[in-house]
Every structure is written in structure tokens, then in C-alpha cells.
Amino acid sequence: MGSGIFLPPVLETSVRAFLAEAAIPLAVLPEVEAPVRVLPAEEGPRREADAATLPAGGTIRCAVALGMAPRLGIGTKELGRLLNHLDIKVHDCSLGCFP
């Protein structure tokens, strides 16, 4: 198994089920052990992800996502599927695929 993420209770059931269904090898860890934590969605403008947080309903720079995948021990395709599930939009794409 790869590394893991921290999930707040409001997201835990949904994301655990998604990870199992999608066969993405991420464990759900306590916050102090997880290299990346997932934040619940908020009202208002989309929040920006950084190297240690994934805000549901937020955004993430392509370069940050590309660096996060190996830290989590998963491929970029698997991380992309997780980002889609969390409604996190990729921007500033290194290949120009996402504006």
C-alpha cells in the first residue's frame, strides 16, 4: 500500500468508499501521520490546494498535483481520479491541458 491521507469525519465515508471502489491504494491515517489532509468544501470562492492539503471543491496547480502523487505513493492518474471525486479543479497545467 502507498501512503495515506487524513479525512475529516464529514468526508470519511464517501472518500473511503471511493478509494475502495476505484482500487486506489491510499490509507486513511490520523492527521498527525498523514502527509496530505483533505478539507471539506466551503461556501464562497474555491480554495487553493498546497503540498499538504486538498480542499474539496477547490483548485490545485498542476505542478503541485504532480509532486503530490509520488509523496502519496500513487500514480498521477489515480490522483486525478481522486481530484475529480473531490471536485478539485486543476489549473496552470504544465502541458497546457487545463487553463
C-alpha atoms as a PDB file:
ATOM      1  CA  MET A   1       0.000   0.000   0.000  1.00  0.00           C
ATOM      2  CA  GLY A   2       1.121   3.554  -0.631  1.00  0.00           C
ATOM      3  CA  SER A   3       0.970   6.363   1.879  1.00  0.00           C
ATOM      4  CA  GLY A   4      -2.202   7.896   3.202  1.00  0.00           C
ATOM      5  CA  ILE A   5      -4.435  10.893   3.665  1.00  0.00           C
ATOM      6  CA  PHE A   6      -6.318  12.373   6.578  1.00  0.00           C
ATOM      7  CA  LEU A   7     -10.074  12.781   6.120  1.00  0.00           C
ATOM      8  CA  PRO A   8     -12.395  14.825   8.331  1.00  0.00           C
ATOM      9  CA  PRO A   9     -15.449  12.869   9.518  1.00  0.00           C
ATOM     10  CA  VAL A  10     -17.769  14.667   7.076  1.00  0.00           C
ATOM     11  CA  LEU A  11     -15.810  13.218   4.105  1.00  0.00           C
ATOM     12  CA  GLU A  12     -14.587   9.931   5.521  1.00  0.00           C
ATOM     13  CA  THR A  13     -17.385   7.577   4.434  1.00  0.00           C
ATOM     14  CA  SER A  14     -17.644   8.951   0.901  1.00  0.00           C
ATOM     15  CA  VAL A  15     -13.913   9.058   0.207  1.00  0.00           C
ATOM     16  CA  ARG A  16     -13.210   5.653   1.813  1.00  0.00           C
ATOM     17  CA  ALA A  17     -15.893   4.111  -0.419  1.00  0.00           C
ATOM     18  CA  PHE A  18     -14.460   5.856  -3.489  1.00  0.00           C
ATOM     19  CA  LEU A  19     -10.902   4.699  -2.730  1.00  0.00           C
ATOM     20  CA  ALA A  20     -12.074   1.099  -2.316  1.00  0.00           C
ATOM     21  CA  GLU A  21     -14.229   1.154  -5.459  1.00  0.00           C
ATOM     22  CA  ALA A  22     -11.508   2.796  -7.548  1.00  0.00           C
ATOM     23  CA  ALA A  23      -8.815   0.492  -6.094  1.00  0.00           C
ATOM     24  CA  ILE A  24      -6.628   3.465  -5.184  1.00  0.00           C
ATOM     25  CA  PRO A  25      -4.069   2.284  -2.617  1.00  0.00           C
ATOM     26  CA  LEU A  26      -4.375   5.098  -0.105  1.00  0.00           C
ATOM     27  CA  ALA A  27      -4.874   4.509   3.590  1.00  0.00           C
ATOM     28  CA  VAL A  28      -6.890   6.861   5.760  1.00  0.00           C
ATOM     29  CA  LEU A  29      -4.489   7.912   8.515  1.00  0.00           C
ATOM     30  CA  PRO A  30      -4.673  10.018  11.673  1.00  0.00           C
ATOM     31  CA  GLU A  31      -3.959  13.673  10.926  1.00  0.00           C
ATOM     32  CA  VAL A  32      -0.523  13.597  12.585  1.00  0.00           C
ATOM     33  CA  GLU A  33       0.628  10.682  10.379  1.00  0.00           C
ATOM     34  CA  ALA A  34      -0.808  11.755   7.010  1.00  0.00           C
ATOM     35  CA  PRO A  35       1.353  13.708   4.563  1.00  0.00           C
ATOM     36  CA  VAL A  36      -1.810  15.169   2.985  1.00  0.00           C
ATOM     37  CA  ARG A  37      -5.083  16.140   4.615  1.00  0.00           C
ATOM     38  CA  VAL A  38      -8.389  16.639   2.833  1.00  0.00           C
ATOM     39  CA  LEU A  39     -10.506  19.628   3.827  1.00  0.00           C
ATOM     40  CA  PRO A  40     -14.288  19.819   3.465  1.00  0.00           C
ATOM     41  CA  ALA A  41     -15.795  22.120   0.844  1.00  0.00           C
ATOM     42  CA  GLU A  42     -16.697  25.655   1.870  1.00  0.00           C
ATOM     43  CA  GLU A  43     -19.083  28.244   0.517  1.00  0.00           C
ATOM     44  CA  GLY A  44     -17.525  31.032  -1.496  1.00  0.00           C
ATOM     45  CA  PRO A  45     -14.520  31.052  -3.798  1.00  0.00           C
ATOM     46  CA  ARG A  46     -12.624  27.839  -4.392  1.00  0.00           C
ATOM     47  CA  ARG A  47      -9.689  27.345  -2.039  1.00  0.00           C
ATOM     48  CA  GLU A  48      -6.240  26.579  -3.439  1.00  0.00           C
ATOM     49  CA  ALA A  49      -4.533  23.285  -2.571  1.00  0.00           C
ATOM     50  CA  ASP A  50      -0.943  23.218  -1.410  1.00  0.00           C
ATOM     51  CA  ALA A  51       1.545  20.381  -0.931  1.00  0.00           C
ATOM     52  CA  ALA A  52      -0.168  19.250   2.294  1.00  0.00           C
ATOM     53  CA  THR A  53      -3.882  19.996   1.761  1.00  0.00           C
ATOM     54  CA  LEU A  54      -6.588  19.087  -0.735  1.00  0.00           C
ATOM     55  CA  PRO A  55      -9.651  21.316  -0.277  1.00  0.00           C
ATOM     56  CA  ALA A  56     -12.770  19.588  -1.610  1.00  0.00           C
ATOM     57  CA  GLY A  57     -14.368  21.877  -4.168  1.00  0.00           C
ATOM     58  CA  GLY A  58     -11.092  23.760  -4.523  1.00  0.00           C
ATOM     59  CA  THR A  59      -8.309  24.118  -7.065  1.00  0.00           C
ATOM     60  CA  ILE A  60      -4.779  22.778  -7.454  1.00  0.00           C
ATOM     61  CA  ARG A  61      -1.865  23.791  -9.649  1.00  0.00           C
ATOM     62  CA  CYS A  62      -0.739  21.030 -11.970  1.00  0.00           C
ATOM     63  CA  ALA A  63       2.830  21.159 -10.621  1.00  0.00           C
ATOM     64  CA  VAL A  64       1.555  20.713  -7.044  1.00  0.00           C
ATOM     65  CA  ALA A  65      -0.534  17.701  -8.082  1.00  0.00           C
ATOM     66  CA  LEU A  66       2.385  16.163  -9.970  1.00  0.00           C
ATOM     67  CA  GLY A  67       4.544  16.496  -6.845  1.00  0.00           C
ATOM     68  CA  MET A  68       1.822  15.181  -4.541  1.00  0.00           C
ATOM     69  CA  ALA A  69       1.219  11.889  -6.341  1.00  0.00           C
ATOM     70  CA  PRO A  70       4.648  10.362  -5.605  1.00  0.00           C
ATOM     71  CA  ARG A  71       4.512  11.621  -1.995  1.00  0.00           C
ATOM     72  CA  LEU A  72       1.294   9.650  -1.634  1.00  0.00           C
ATOM     73  CA  GLY A  73       2.708   6.608  -3.409  1.00  0.00           C
ATOM     74  CA  ILE A  74       0.094   6.678  -6.176  1.00  0.00           C
ATOM     75  CA  GLY A  75       0.186   7.468  -9.875  1.00  0.00           C
ATOM     76  CA  THR A  76      -0.947  10.727 -11.394  1.00  0.00           C
ATOM     77  CA  LYS A  77      -3.945   9.008 -12.976  1.00  0.00           C
ATOM     78  CA  GLU A  78      -5.076   7.764  -9.563  1.00  0.00           C
ATOM     79  CA  LEU A  79      -4.575  11.209  -8.046  1.00  0.00           C
ATOM     80  CA  GLY A  80      -6.555  12.718 -10.925  1.00  0.00           C
ATOM     81  CA  ARG A  81      -9.450  10.385 -10.179  1.00  0.00           C
ATOM     82  CA  LEU A  82      -9.347  11.419  -6.512  1.00  0.00           C
ATOM     83  CA  LEU A  83      -9.253  15.110  -7.504  1.00  0.00           C
ATOM     84  CA  ASN A  84     -12.305  14.561  -9.708  1.00  0.00           C
ATOM     85  CA  HIS A  85     -14.132  12.831  -6.855  1.00  0.00           C
ATOM     86  CA  LEU A  86     -13.357  15.773  -4.564  1.00  0.00           C
ATOM     87  CA  ASP A  87     -14.359  18.310  -7.268  1.00  0.00           C
ATOM     88  CA  ILE A  88     -10.872  19.843  -7.249  1.00  0.00           C
ATOM     89  CA  LYS A  89     -10.067  21.673 -10.478  1.00  0.00           C
ATOM     90  CA  VAL A  90      -6.541  21.539 -11.946  1.00  0.00           C
ATOM     91  CA  HIS A  91      -5.114  24.790 -13.309  1.00  0.00           C
ATOM     92  CA  ASP A  92      -1.825  26.149 -14.655  1.00  0.00           C
ATOM     93  CA  CYS A  93      -1.248  22.832 -16.384  1.00  0.00           C
ATOM     94  CA  SER A  94       2.339  22.033 -17.317  1.00  0.00           C
ATOM     95  CA  LEU A  95       1.121  20.703 -20.678  1.00  0.00           C
ATOM     96  CA  GLY A  96      -1.480  23.390 -21.319  1.00  0.00           C
ATOM     97  CA  CYS A  97      -4.368  20.921 -20.963  1.00  0.00           C
ATOM     98  CA  PHE A  98      -6.117  22.883 -18.206  1.00  0.00           C
ATOM     99  CA  PRO A  99      -6.370  26.708 -18.310  1.00  0.00           C
END
